[in-house]
N, C-alpha and C. Protein backbone atom coordinates (compact mmCIF):
# COMPACT_ATOMS: atom_id res chain seq x y z
N MET A 1 -34.33 -63.13 26.17
CA MET A 1 -33.32 -64.12 25.88
C MET A 1 -33.31 -64.39 24.37
N ARG A 2 -32.10 -64.45 23.80
CA ARG A 2 -31.92 -64.64 22.37
C ARG A 2 -32.11 -66.10 21.99
N LEU A 3 -32.83 -66.32 20.89
CA LEU A 3 -33.03 -67.68 20.39
C LEU A 3 -31.79 -68.13 19.62
N VAL A 4 -31.48 -69.41 19.68
CA VAL A 4 -30.36 -69.99 18.94
C VAL A 4 -30.91 -70.54 17.63
N TYR A 5 -30.38 -70.05 16.52
CA TYR A 5 -30.87 -70.39 15.17
C TYR A 5 -32.37 -70.14 15.03
N GLY A 6 -32.87 -69.19 15.79
CA GLY A 6 -34.26 -68.80 15.67
C GLY A 6 -35.26 -69.75 16.32
N PHE A 7 -34.79 -70.88 16.88
CA PHE A 7 -35.72 -71.87 17.44
C PHE A 7 -35.32 -72.37 18.82
N GLY A 8 -34.03 -72.44 19.10
CA GLY A 8 -33.57 -73.01 20.36
C GLY A 8 -33.56 -72.00 21.49
N PHE A 9 -33.96 -72.44 22.66
CA PHE A 9 -34.04 -71.58 23.82
C PHE A 9 -32.98 -72.02 24.84
N ASN A 10 -31.94 -71.19 25.01
CA ASN A 10 -30.89 -71.50 25.99
C ASN A 10 -31.31 -70.94 27.34
N ASP A 11 -31.76 -71.82 28.19
CA ASP A 11 -32.25 -71.40 29.50
C ASP A 11 -31.25 -71.68 30.62
N ARG A 12 -29.98 -71.81 30.26
CA ARG A 12 -28.92 -71.98 31.26
C ARG A 12 -27.83 -70.95 30.96
N THR A 13 -27.03 -70.65 31.98
CA THR A 13 -25.93 -69.70 31.78
C THR A 13 -24.61 -70.46 31.75
N LYS A 14 -23.58 -69.81 31.20
CA LYS A 14 -22.23 -70.37 31.12
C LYS A 14 -22.23 -71.78 30.54
N THR A 15 -22.79 -71.90 29.35
CA THR A 15 -22.94 -73.22 28.74
C THR A 15 -22.14 -73.40 27.46
N SER A 16 -21.67 -72.34 26.85
CA SER A 16 -21.16 -72.42 25.49
C SER A 16 -19.94 -73.33 25.30
N ARG A 17 -19.28 -73.71 26.37
CA ARG A 17 -18.11 -74.58 26.22
C ARG A 17 -18.39 -76.04 26.57
N SER A 18 -19.58 -76.33 27.04
CA SER A 18 -19.89 -77.70 27.45
C SER A 18 -20.13 -78.60 26.23
N LYS A 19 -19.91 -79.89 26.40
CA LYS A 19 -20.19 -80.87 25.35
C LYS A 19 -21.65 -80.82 24.95
N GLU A 20 -22.51 -80.76 25.96
CA GLU A 20 -23.93 -80.75 25.70
C GLU A 20 -24.33 -79.55 24.84
N TYR A 21 -23.78 -78.38 25.18
CA TYR A 21 -24.14 -77.18 24.42
C TYR A 21 -23.64 -77.29 22.98
N LYS A 22 -22.42 -77.77 22.80
CA LYS A 22 -21.89 -77.90 21.44
C LYS A 22 -22.73 -78.86 20.61
N LEU A 23 -23.17 -79.97 21.21
CA LEU A 23 -24.05 -80.90 20.51
C LEU A 23 -25.39 -80.25 20.19
N TRP A 24 -25.96 -79.57 21.16
CA TRP A 24 -27.26 -78.92 20.98
C TRP A 24 -27.18 -77.85 19.90
N ASN A 25 -26.15 -77.04 19.94
CA ASN A 25 -25.97 -75.98 18.96
C ASN A 25 -25.79 -76.58 17.56
N GLY A 26 -24.99 -77.63 17.46
CA GLY A 26 -24.77 -78.30 16.17
C GLY A 26 -26.06 -78.90 15.61
N MET A 27 -26.84 -79.49 16.50
CA MET A 27 -28.13 -80.06 16.08
C MET A 27 -29.04 -78.95 15.53
N LEU A 28 -29.13 -77.84 16.25
CA LEU A 28 -29.97 -76.73 15.79
C LEU A 28 -29.45 -76.16 14.48
N GLU A 29 -28.15 -76.09 14.32
CA GLU A 29 -27.58 -75.61 13.06
C GLU A 29 -28.00 -76.52 11.91
N ARG A 30 -27.89 -77.84 12.10
CA ARG A 30 -28.28 -78.78 11.05
C ARG A 30 -29.77 -78.65 10.71
N CYS A 31 -30.57 -78.33 11.69
CA CYS A 31 -32.01 -78.20 11.46
C CYS A 31 -32.41 -76.86 10.85
N TYR A 32 -31.80 -75.78 11.31
CA TYR A 32 -32.36 -74.46 11.01
C TYR A 32 -31.43 -73.46 10.33
N SER A 33 -30.20 -73.83 10.02
CA SER A 33 -29.30 -72.89 9.37
C SER A 33 -29.45 -72.96 7.84
N GLU A 34 -29.98 -71.89 7.27
CA GLU A 34 -30.13 -71.83 5.82
C GLU A 34 -28.76 -71.89 5.13
N ARG A 35 -27.76 -71.29 5.74
CA ARG A 35 -26.42 -71.31 5.16
C ARG A 35 -25.88 -72.74 5.11
N LEU A 36 -26.07 -73.50 6.17
CA LEU A 36 -25.62 -74.89 6.17
C LEU A 36 -26.39 -75.71 5.13
N HIS A 37 -27.68 -75.46 4.98
CA HIS A 37 -28.49 -76.20 4.02
C HIS A 37 -28.01 -76.00 2.59
N LEU A 38 -27.38 -74.88 2.32
CA LEU A 38 -26.85 -74.65 0.97
C LEU A 38 -25.70 -75.60 0.64
N VAL A 39 -24.89 -75.92 1.64
CA VAL A 39 -23.74 -76.80 1.41
C VAL A 39 -24.01 -78.25 1.81
N ARG A 40 -25.00 -78.47 2.66
CA ARG A 40 -25.36 -79.83 3.12
C ARG A 40 -26.87 -80.00 3.01
N PRO A 41 -27.38 -80.10 1.77
CA PRO A 41 -28.84 -80.13 1.58
C PRO A 41 -29.52 -81.37 2.17
N THR A 42 -28.76 -82.38 2.57
CA THR A 42 -29.38 -83.55 3.19
C THR A 42 -30.09 -83.18 4.50
N TYR A 43 -29.72 -82.05 5.09
CA TYR A 43 -30.35 -81.63 6.33
C TYR A 43 -31.61 -80.79 6.12
N LEU A 44 -31.95 -80.48 4.88
CA LEU A 44 -33.19 -79.76 4.61
C LEU A 44 -34.37 -80.56 5.15
N GLY A 45 -35.25 -79.92 5.84
CA GLY A 45 -36.43 -80.60 6.38
C GLY A 45 -36.22 -81.18 7.77
N CYS A 46 -35.00 -81.11 8.28
CA CYS A 46 -34.76 -81.59 9.64
C CYS A 46 -35.33 -80.60 10.65
N GLU A 47 -35.72 -81.13 11.79
CA GLU A 47 -36.24 -80.28 12.86
C GLU A 47 -35.92 -80.91 14.20
N ALA A 48 -36.05 -80.11 15.23
CA ALA A 48 -35.88 -80.58 16.60
C ALA A 48 -37.24 -80.65 17.27
N SER A 49 -37.43 -81.65 18.13
CA SER A 49 -38.69 -81.74 18.89
C SER A 49 -38.80 -80.51 19.79
N GLU A 50 -39.99 -80.24 20.26
CA GLU A 50 -40.19 -79.10 21.16
C GLU A 50 -39.30 -79.23 22.40
N ASN A 51 -39.18 -80.43 22.96
CA ASN A 51 -38.31 -80.63 24.12
C ASN A 51 -36.86 -80.35 23.80
N PHE A 52 -36.39 -80.79 22.63
CA PHE A 52 -34.99 -80.61 22.26
C PHE A 52 -34.67 -79.15 21.91
N LYS A 53 -35.66 -78.34 21.69
CA LYS A 53 -35.41 -76.92 21.44
C LYS A 53 -35.02 -76.19 22.73
N LYS A 54 -35.29 -76.81 23.84
CA LYS A 54 -34.96 -76.23 25.15
C LYS A 54 -33.64 -76.84 25.63
N TYR A 55 -32.62 -76.00 25.79
CA TYR A 55 -31.29 -76.51 26.12
C TYR A 55 -31.25 -77.31 27.42
N SER A 56 -31.91 -76.86 28.46
CA SER A 56 -31.85 -77.58 29.74
C SER A 56 -32.40 -79.00 29.60
N TYR A 57 -33.45 -79.16 28.82
CA TYR A 57 -34.00 -80.50 28.60
C TYR A 57 -32.99 -81.37 27.85
N PHE A 58 -32.41 -80.83 26.77
CA PHE A 58 -31.42 -81.58 25.99
C PHE A 58 -30.22 -81.97 26.86
N HIS A 59 -29.75 -81.02 27.66
CA HIS A 59 -28.62 -81.26 28.56
C HIS A 59 -28.91 -82.44 29.49
N ASP A 60 -30.06 -82.41 30.14
CA ASP A 60 -30.40 -83.46 31.08
C ASP A 60 -30.64 -84.80 30.37
N TRP A 61 -31.21 -84.77 29.20
CA TRP A 61 -31.42 -85.98 28.41
C TRP A 61 -30.08 -86.65 28.11
N CYS A 62 -29.10 -85.85 27.72
CA CYS A 62 -27.77 -86.39 27.39
C CYS A 62 -27.19 -87.20 28.55
N GLN A 63 -27.38 -86.72 29.76
CA GLN A 63 -26.77 -87.36 30.94
C GLN A 63 -27.20 -88.82 31.10
N ASN A 64 -28.35 -89.17 30.60
CA ASN A 64 -28.90 -90.51 30.78
C ASN A 64 -28.76 -91.40 29.55
N GLN A 65 -27.96 -90.96 28.56
CA GLN A 65 -27.86 -91.72 27.32
C GLN A 65 -26.59 -92.54 27.25
N ILE A 66 -26.74 -93.78 26.80
CA ILE A 66 -25.58 -94.65 26.57
C ILE A 66 -24.73 -94.02 25.47
N GLY A 67 -23.45 -93.93 25.72
CA GLY A 67 -22.52 -93.40 24.72
C GLY A 67 -22.27 -91.91 24.81
N PHE A 68 -23.10 -91.19 25.58
CA PHE A 68 -22.86 -89.75 25.68
C PHE A 68 -21.51 -89.51 26.34
N GLY A 69 -20.71 -88.67 25.71
CA GLY A 69 -19.40 -88.32 26.25
C GLY A 69 -18.32 -89.33 25.92
N ALA A 70 -18.68 -90.47 25.35
CA ALA A 70 -17.68 -91.47 24.98
C ALA A 70 -16.91 -90.98 23.75
N HIS A 71 -15.63 -91.23 23.73
CA HIS A 71 -14.79 -90.80 22.62
C HIS A 71 -15.27 -91.42 21.30
N GLY A 72 -15.45 -90.57 20.30
CA GLY A 72 -15.83 -91.04 18.97
C GLY A 72 -17.31 -91.29 18.78
N PHE A 73 -18.14 -90.99 19.79
CA PHE A 73 -19.58 -91.18 19.65
C PHE A 73 -20.23 -89.89 19.17
N GLU A 74 -21.27 -90.03 18.36
CA GLU A 74 -21.97 -88.88 17.78
C GLU A 74 -23.47 -89.00 18.02
N LEU A 75 -24.13 -87.86 18.07
CA LEU A 75 -25.58 -87.81 18.18
C LEU A 75 -26.17 -88.20 16.82
N ASP A 76 -27.10 -89.15 16.84
CA ASP A 76 -27.68 -89.64 15.59
C ASP A 76 -29.20 -89.65 15.68
N LYS A 77 -29.85 -89.27 14.59
CA LYS A 77 -31.31 -89.16 14.57
C LYS A 77 -31.98 -90.24 13.74
N ASP A 78 -31.24 -90.97 12.90
CA ASP A 78 -31.93 -91.87 11.97
C ASP A 78 -31.50 -93.34 12.01
N THR A 79 -30.79 -93.74 13.06
CA THR A 79 -30.49 -95.17 13.20
C THR A 79 -31.73 -95.92 13.67
N LEU A 80 -32.45 -95.37 14.61
CA LEU A 80 -33.63 -96.06 15.15
C LEU A 80 -34.80 -96.06 14.17
N LEU A 81 -34.88 -95.03 13.34
CA LEU A 81 -35.95 -94.93 12.35
C LEU A 81 -35.33 -94.42 11.05
N LYS A 82 -35.17 -95.30 10.11
CA LYS A 82 -34.55 -94.99 8.83
C LYS A 82 -35.26 -93.81 8.16
N GLY A 83 -34.47 -92.83 7.76
CA GLY A 83 -35.01 -91.67 7.07
C GLY A 83 -35.58 -90.59 7.98
N ASN A 84 -35.50 -90.80 9.29
CA ASN A 84 -36.03 -89.82 10.24
C ASN A 84 -35.36 -88.46 10.07
N LYS A 85 -36.15 -87.41 10.17
CA LYS A 85 -35.63 -86.04 10.04
C LYS A 85 -35.84 -85.22 11.32
N THR A 86 -36.32 -85.86 12.39
CA THR A 86 -36.60 -85.13 13.63
C THR A 86 -35.66 -85.57 14.73
N TYR A 87 -34.93 -84.61 15.28
CA TYR A 87 -34.11 -84.87 16.46
C TYR A 87 -35.04 -84.84 17.66
N SER A 88 -35.16 -85.97 18.34
CA SER A 88 -36.06 -86.02 19.50
C SER A 88 -35.54 -87.01 20.53
N GLU A 89 -36.08 -86.89 21.73
CA GLU A 89 -35.67 -87.74 22.84
C GLU A 89 -36.00 -89.21 22.59
N ASP A 90 -36.97 -89.51 21.76
CA ASP A 90 -37.35 -90.89 21.50
C ASP A 90 -36.59 -91.53 20.34
N LEU A 91 -36.04 -90.72 19.44
CA LEU A 91 -35.42 -91.27 18.24
C LEU A 91 -33.92 -91.02 18.12
N CYS A 92 -33.35 -90.26 19.04
CA CYS A 92 -31.91 -90.00 18.98
C CYS A 92 -31.15 -90.95 19.90
N VAL A 93 -29.97 -91.31 19.46
CA VAL A 93 -29.05 -92.13 20.24
C VAL A 93 -27.63 -91.64 19.96
N PHE A 94 -26.72 -92.02 20.82
CA PHE A 94 -25.30 -91.76 20.57
C PHE A 94 -24.70 -93.05 20.02
N ILE A 95 -24.04 -92.93 18.88
CA ILE A 95 -23.42 -94.10 18.26
C ILE A 95 -22.00 -93.75 17.83
N PRO A 96 -21.15 -94.77 17.69
CA PRO A 96 -19.79 -94.50 17.22
C PRO A 96 -19.80 -93.89 15.81
N LYS A 97 -18.84 -93.03 15.56
CA LYS A 97 -18.72 -92.40 14.25
C LYS A 97 -18.68 -93.44 13.14
N GLU A 98 -18.03 -94.57 13.41
CA GLU A 98 -17.95 -95.65 12.42
C GLU A 98 -19.34 -96.08 11.95
N ILE A 99 -20.27 -96.20 12.87
CA ILE A 99 -21.63 -96.60 12.52
C ILE A 99 -22.35 -95.46 11.81
N ASN A 100 -22.22 -94.27 12.34
CA ASN A 100 -22.89 -93.11 11.75
C ASN A 100 -22.44 -92.89 10.31
N SER A 101 -21.15 -92.97 10.06
CA SER A 101 -20.66 -92.72 8.71
C SER A 101 -20.96 -93.87 7.76
N MET A 102 -21.10 -95.09 8.27
CA MET A 102 -21.38 -96.20 7.35
C MET A 102 -22.81 -96.15 6.83
N MET A 103 -23.65 -95.34 7.46
CA MET A 103 -25.04 -95.22 7.02
C MET A 103 -25.22 -94.07 6.02
N THR A 104 -24.14 -93.37 5.70
CA THR A 104 -24.19 -92.24 4.78
C THR A 104 -24.26 -92.73 3.34
N LYS A 105 -25.16 -92.14 2.57
CA LYS A 105 -25.30 -92.50 1.16
C LYS A 105 -24.41 -91.60 0.31
N THR A 106 -23.98 -92.16 -0.84
CA THR A 106 -23.17 -91.39 -1.79
C THR A 106 -23.90 -91.32 -3.12
N ASP A 107 -24.90 -90.45 -3.18
CA ASP A 107 -25.73 -90.33 -4.37
C ASP A 107 -24.96 -89.87 -5.60
N ALA A 108 -23.98 -89.00 -5.43
CA ALA A 108 -23.28 -88.42 -6.57
C ALA A 108 -22.54 -89.47 -7.38
N ALA A 109 -21.94 -90.45 -6.73
CA ALA A 109 -21.12 -91.44 -7.42
C ALA A 109 -21.95 -92.39 -8.28
N ARG A 110 -23.18 -92.64 -7.90
CA ARG A 110 -23.96 -93.66 -8.60
C ARG A 110 -24.82 -93.13 -9.73
N GLY A 111 -25.07 -91.83 -9.75
CA GLY A 111 -25.93 -91.27 -10.78
C GLY A 111 -27.35 -91.80 -10.66
N GLU A 112 -27.86 -92.35 -11.74
CA GLU A 112 -29.24 -92.86 -11.78
C GLU A 112 -29.35 -94.31 -11.29
N ASN A 113 -28.25 -94.93 -10.96
CA ASN A 113 -28.25 -96.34 -10.57
C ASN A 113 -28.69 -96.52 -9.12
N PRO A 114 -29.04 -97.77 -8.76
CA PRO A 114 -29.38 -98.03 -7.36
C PRO A 114 -28.17 -97.78 -6.46
N ILE A 115 -28.43 -97.66 -5.17
CA ILE A 115 -27.35 -97.47 -4.21
C ILE A 115 -26.34 -98.61 -4.32
N GLY A 116 -25.06 -98.24 -4.25
CA GLY A 116 -23.99 -99.24 -4.31
C GLY A 116 -23.59 -99.66 -5.71
N VAL A 117 -24.21 -99.05 -6.72
CA VAL A 117 -24.01 -99.49 -8.11
C VAL A 117 -23.62 -98.31 -8.99
N CYS A 118 -22.66 -98.54 -9.85
CA CYS A 118 -22.34 -97.56 -10.89
C CYS A 118 -22.02 -98.32 -12.18
N PHE A 119 -22.20 -97.66 -13.31
CA PHE A 119 -21.91 -98.28 -14.59
C PHE A 119 -20.49 -97.95 -14.99
N LYS A 120 -19.73 -98.97 -15.35
CA LYS A 120 -18.34 -98.79 -15.78
C LYS A 120 -18.30 -98.91 -17.30
N LYS A 121 -18.15 -97.79 -17.98
CA LYS A 121 -18.15 -97.77 -19.45
C LYS A 121 -17.04 -98.62 -20.04
N ARG A 122 -15.86 -98.59 -19.43
CA ARG A 122 -14.72 -99.30 -20.02
C ARG A 122 -14.92 -100.81 -20.08
N VAL A 123 -15.73 -101.36 -19.18
CA VAL A 123 -16.00 -102.81 -19.22
C VAL A 123 -17.44 -103.10 -19.66
N GLY A 124 -18.25 -102.06 -19.76
CA GLY A 124 -19.63 -102.23 -20.20
C GLY A 124 -20.49 -103.01 -19.23
N MET A 125 -20.19 -102.87 -17.93
CA MET A 125 -20.92 -103.62 -16.92
C MET A 125 -21.23 -102.73 -15.72
N TYR A 126 -22.11 -103.24 -14.87
CA TYR A 126 -22.47 -102.55 -13.65
C TYR A 126 -21.57 -103.05 -12.52
N HIS A 127 -21.04 -102.10 -11.77
CA HIS A 127 -20.08 -102.41 -10.71
C HIS A 127 -20.73 -102.17 -9.35
N ALA A 128 -20.62 -103.18 -8.48
CA ALA A 128 -21.11 -103.04 -7.11
C ALA A 128 -19.92 -102.91 -6.18
N GLN A 129 -20.00 -101.95 -5.28
CA GLN A 129 -18.93 -101.74 -4.30
C GLN A 129 -19.50 -101.06 -3.08
N HIS A 130 -18.77 -101.18 -1.97
CA HIS A 130 -19.16 -100.45 -0.76
C HIS A 130 -17.92 -100.17 0.06
N THR A 131 -18.08 -99.30 1.04
CA THR A 131 -16.97 -98.96 1.92
C THR A 131 -17.04 -99.85 3.15
N LYS A 132 -15.92 -100.50 3.43
CA LYS A 132 -15.82 -101.39 4.58
C LYS A 132 -14.50 -101.09 5.27
N ASN A 133 -14.58 -100.80 6.56
CA ASN A 133 -13.38 -100.45 7.33
C ASN A 133 -12.61 -99.30 6.68
N ASN A 134 -13.37 -98.29 6.24
CA ASN A 134 -12.81 -97.07 5.62
C ASN A 134 -12.08 -97.33 4.30
N ARG A 135 -12.36 -98.43 3.68
CA ARG A 135 -11.75 -98.75 2.38
C ARG A 135 -12.84 -99.19 1.41
N THR A 136 -12.66 -98.84 0.14
CA THR A 136 -13.61 -99.27 -0.86
C THR A 136 -13.40 -100.75 -1.15
N GLU A 137 -14.48 -101.51 -1.04
CA GLU A 137 -14.41 -102.94 -1.30
C GLU A 137 -15.17 -103.26 -2.58
N HIS A 138 -14.47 -103.86 -3.53
CA HIS A 138 -15.06 -104.29 -4.80
C HIS A 138 -15.91 -105.53 -4.52
N ILE A 139 -17.16 -105.51 -4.96
CA ILE A 139 -18.04 -106.67 -4.79
C ILE A 139 -18.10 -107.48 -6.08
N GLY A 140 -18.21 -106.79 -7.21
CA GLY A 140 -18.22 -107.51 -8.48
C GLY A 140 -18.82 -106.69 -9.61
N TYR A 141 -18.71 -107.27 -10.82
CA TYR A 141 -19.30 -106.70 -12.03
C TYR A 141 -20.50 -107.53 -12.43
N PHE A 142 -21.54 -106.85 -12.93
CA PHE A 142 -22.79 -107.54 -13.24
C PHE A 142 -23.36 -107.00 -14.55
N ASN A 143 -24.17 -107.83 -15.20
CA ASN A 143 -24.75 -107.45 -16.50
C ASN A 143 -25.88 -106.44 -16.37
N ASN A 144 -26.50 -106.35 -15.20
CA ASN A 144 -27.60 -105.42 -15.04
C ASN A 144 -27.55 -104.78 -13.65
N PRO A 145 -28.18 -103.63 -13.51
CA PRO A 145 -28.11 -102.92 -12.23
C PRO A 145 -28.80 -103.65 -11.08
N ASN A 146 -29.84 -104.43 -11.37
CA ASN A 146 -30.55 -105.13 -10.30
C ASN A 146 -29.66 -106.19 -9.66
N ASP A 147 -28.95 -106.99 -10.48
CA ASP A 147 -28.05 -108.00 -9.92
C ASP A 147 -26.93 -107.35 -9.12
N ALA A 148 -26.42 -106.23 -9.61
CA ALA A 148 -25.36 -105.50 -8.89
C ALA A 148 -25.90 -104.99 -7.56
N PHE A 149 -27.12 -104.46 -7.57
CA PHE A 149 -27.72 -103.98 -6.33
C PHE A 149 -27.90 -105.11 -5.32
N LEU A 150 -28.40 -106.25 -5.77
CA LEU A 150 -28.63 -107.37 -4.85
C LEU A 150 -27.32 -107.83 -4.20
N ALA A 151 -26.22 -107.80 -4.97
CA ALA A 151 -24.92 -108.16 -4.40
C ALA A 151 -24.48 -107.10 -3.38
N TYR A 152 -24.69 -105.83 -3.72
CA TYR A 152 -24.37 -104.75 -2.78
C TYR A 152 -25.20 -104.89 -1.50
N LYS A 153 -26.49 -105.10 -1.65
CA LYS A 153 -27.41 -105.22 -0.53
C LYS A 153 -26.95 -106.32 0.42
N SER A 154 -26.61 -107.46 -0.11
CA SER A 154 -26.16 -108.59 0.71
C SER A 154 -24.87 -108.24 1.46
N ALA A 155 -23.90 -107.69 0.74
CA ALA A 155 -22.62 -107.34 1.37
C ALA A 155 -22.79 -106.25 2.41
N ARG A 156 -23.58 -105.24 2.10
CA ARG A 156 -23.75 -104.10 3.01
C ARG A 156 -24.51 -104.50 4.28
N GLU A 157 -25.58 -105.24 4.13
CA GLU A 157 -26.35 -105.67 5.29
C GLU A 157 -25.50 -106.58 6.19
N SER A 158 -24.70 -107.41 5.58
CA SER A 158 -23.80 -108.28 6.36
C SER A 158 -22.79 -107.44 7.14
N TYR A 159 -22.24 -106.43 6.49
CA TYR A 159 -21.26 -105.56 7.15
C TYR A 159 -21.90 -104.77 8.29
N ILE A 160 -23.11 -104.27 8.09
CA ILE A 160 -23.81 -103.53 9.14
C ILE A 160 -23.99 -104.41 10.37
N LYS A 161 -24.37 -105.65 10.16
CA LYS A 161 -24.52 -106.59 11.28
C LYS A 161 -23.18 -106.87 11.96
N GLU A 162 -22.14 -106.99 11.18
CA GLU A 162 -20.79 -107.20 11.73
C GLU A 162 -20.39 -106.05 12.65
N VAL A 163 -20.60 -104.83 12.19
CA VAL A 163 -20.25 -103.65 12.99
C VAL A 163 -21.16 -103.54 14.21
N ALA A 164 -22.43 -103.87 14.06
CA ALA A 164 -23.36 -103.85 15.21
C ALA A 164 -22.89 -104.83 16.27
N ASN A 165 -22.51 -106.02 15.86
CA ASN A 165 -22.04 -107.02 16.83
C ASN A 165 -20.75 -106.60 17.51
N LYS A 166 -19.88 -105.95 16.75
CA LYS A 166 -18.62 -105.47 17.32
C LYS A 166 -18.86 -104.41 18.40
N ASN A 167 -19.90 -103.61 18.23
CA ASN A 167 -20.20 -102.51 19.15
C ASN A 167 -21.34 -102.79 20.12
N LYS A 168 -21.85 -103.99 20.12
CA LYS A 168 -23.05 -104.35 20.89
C LYS A 168 -22.99 -103.91 22.34
N ASP A 169 -21.85 -104.07 22.99
CA ASP A 169 -21.75 -103.76 24.42
C ASP A 169 -21.56 -102.26 24.70
N GLN A 170 -21.36 -101.46 23.66
CA GLN A 170 -21.13 -100.03 23.87
C GLN A 170 -22.30 -99.15 23.43
N ILE A 171 -23.25 -99.71 22.68
CA ILE A 171 -24.32 -98.88 22.13
C ILE A 171 -25.66 -99.18 22.80
N ASP A 172 -26.57 -98.24 22.66
CA ASP A 172 -27.93 -98.40 23.16
C ASP A 172 -28.52 -99.67 22.56
N PRO A 173 -29.16 -100.52 23.36
CA PRO A 173 -29.75 -101.75 22.83
C PRO A 173 -30.74 -101.50 21.68
N ARG A 174 -31.41 -100.37 21.71
CA ARG A 174 -32.34 -100.05 20.62
C ARG A 174 -31.58 -99.86 19.31
N ALA A 175 -30.40 -99.25 19.38
CA ALA A 175 -29.58 -99.06 18.18
C ALA A 175 -29.08 -100.41 17.67
N TYR A 176 -28.69 -101.28 18.58
CA TYR A 176 -28.23 -102.61 18.17
C TYR A 176 -29.34 -103.36 17.42
N VAL A 177 -30.54 -103.36 17.97
CA VAL A 177 -31.67 -104.04 17.32
C VAL A 177 -31.95 -103.41 15.95
N ALA A 178 -31.94 -102.10 15.89
CA ALA A 178 -32.21 -101.40 14.62
C ALA A 178 -31.16 -101.78 13.56
N LEU A 179 -29.91 -101.85 13.96
CA LEU A 179 -28.85 -102.21 13.02
C LEU A 179 -28.97 -103.66 12.57
N MET A 180 -29.31 -104.54 13.48
CA MET A 180 -29.45 -105.95 13.12
C MET A 180 -30.65 -106.18 12.19
N ASN A 181 -31.64 -105.29 12.26
CA ASN A 181 -32.83 -105.40 11.40
C ASN A 181 -32.78 -104.49 10.17
N TYR A 182 -31.69 -103.76 10.01
CA TYR A 182 -31.58 -102.77 8.94
C TYR A 182 -31.59 -103.46 7.57
N THR A 183 -32.39 -102.93 6.68
CA THR A 183 -32.42 -103.46 5.31
C THR A 183 -32.14 -102.32 4.33
N ILE A 184 -31.39 -102.67 3.31
CA ILE A 184 -31.09 -101.74 2.23
C ILE A 184 -32.20 -101.85 1.20
N ASP A 185 -32.74 -100.72 0.80
CA ASP A 185 -33.80 -100.69 -0.20
C ASP A 185 -33.22 -100.15 -1.50
N ILE A 186 -33.71 -100.62 -2.62
CA ILE A 186 -33.19 -100.19 -3.91
C ILE A 186 -33.35 -98.68 -4.12
N ASN A 187 -34.29 -98.06 -3.42
CA ASN A 187 -34.51 -96.61 -3.55
C ASN A 187 -33.73 -95.78 -2.53
N ASP A 188 -32.92 -96.42 -1.69
CA ASP A 188 -32.10 -95.68 -0.72
C ASP A 188 -31.15 -94.74 -1.43
């Protein structure tokens, strides 16, 4: 039997069109595809647990997960444990795309500044902003990057809690708790 991305073991037949298989294949690609790592280096170092490398286990796990198969929900590995790089049965959940994308960092825009902060040369100040409801929201201008970061941190953590509360009845309770306790760190 041929391995998928050199690590995954497909122990079922006629699976390539199922939701579970597409999720499993995508997860393995993010973990083990060198070609993908060239264009999406954030996935470097990701791996799948031994159980998740076996398709039948992943398939059956999906059946018992809140949000699996729901429109707009995605498999997520790092909501329950910030910075997690392992796809596993204990740390993965299905969450709405809105939540998954709001946790994405934009390192390129900020340069050397803290998350949520960039320096605006034309005004000579540090600008704090974040994305809220798919729109860029201006938070303010500040004399130093630390004050700008603190304003970003407050606004972002508040927004994360707002979105968690909006989705509370649709997401895994563990994800809800993780979002309500989520803190932004200056090194994020």
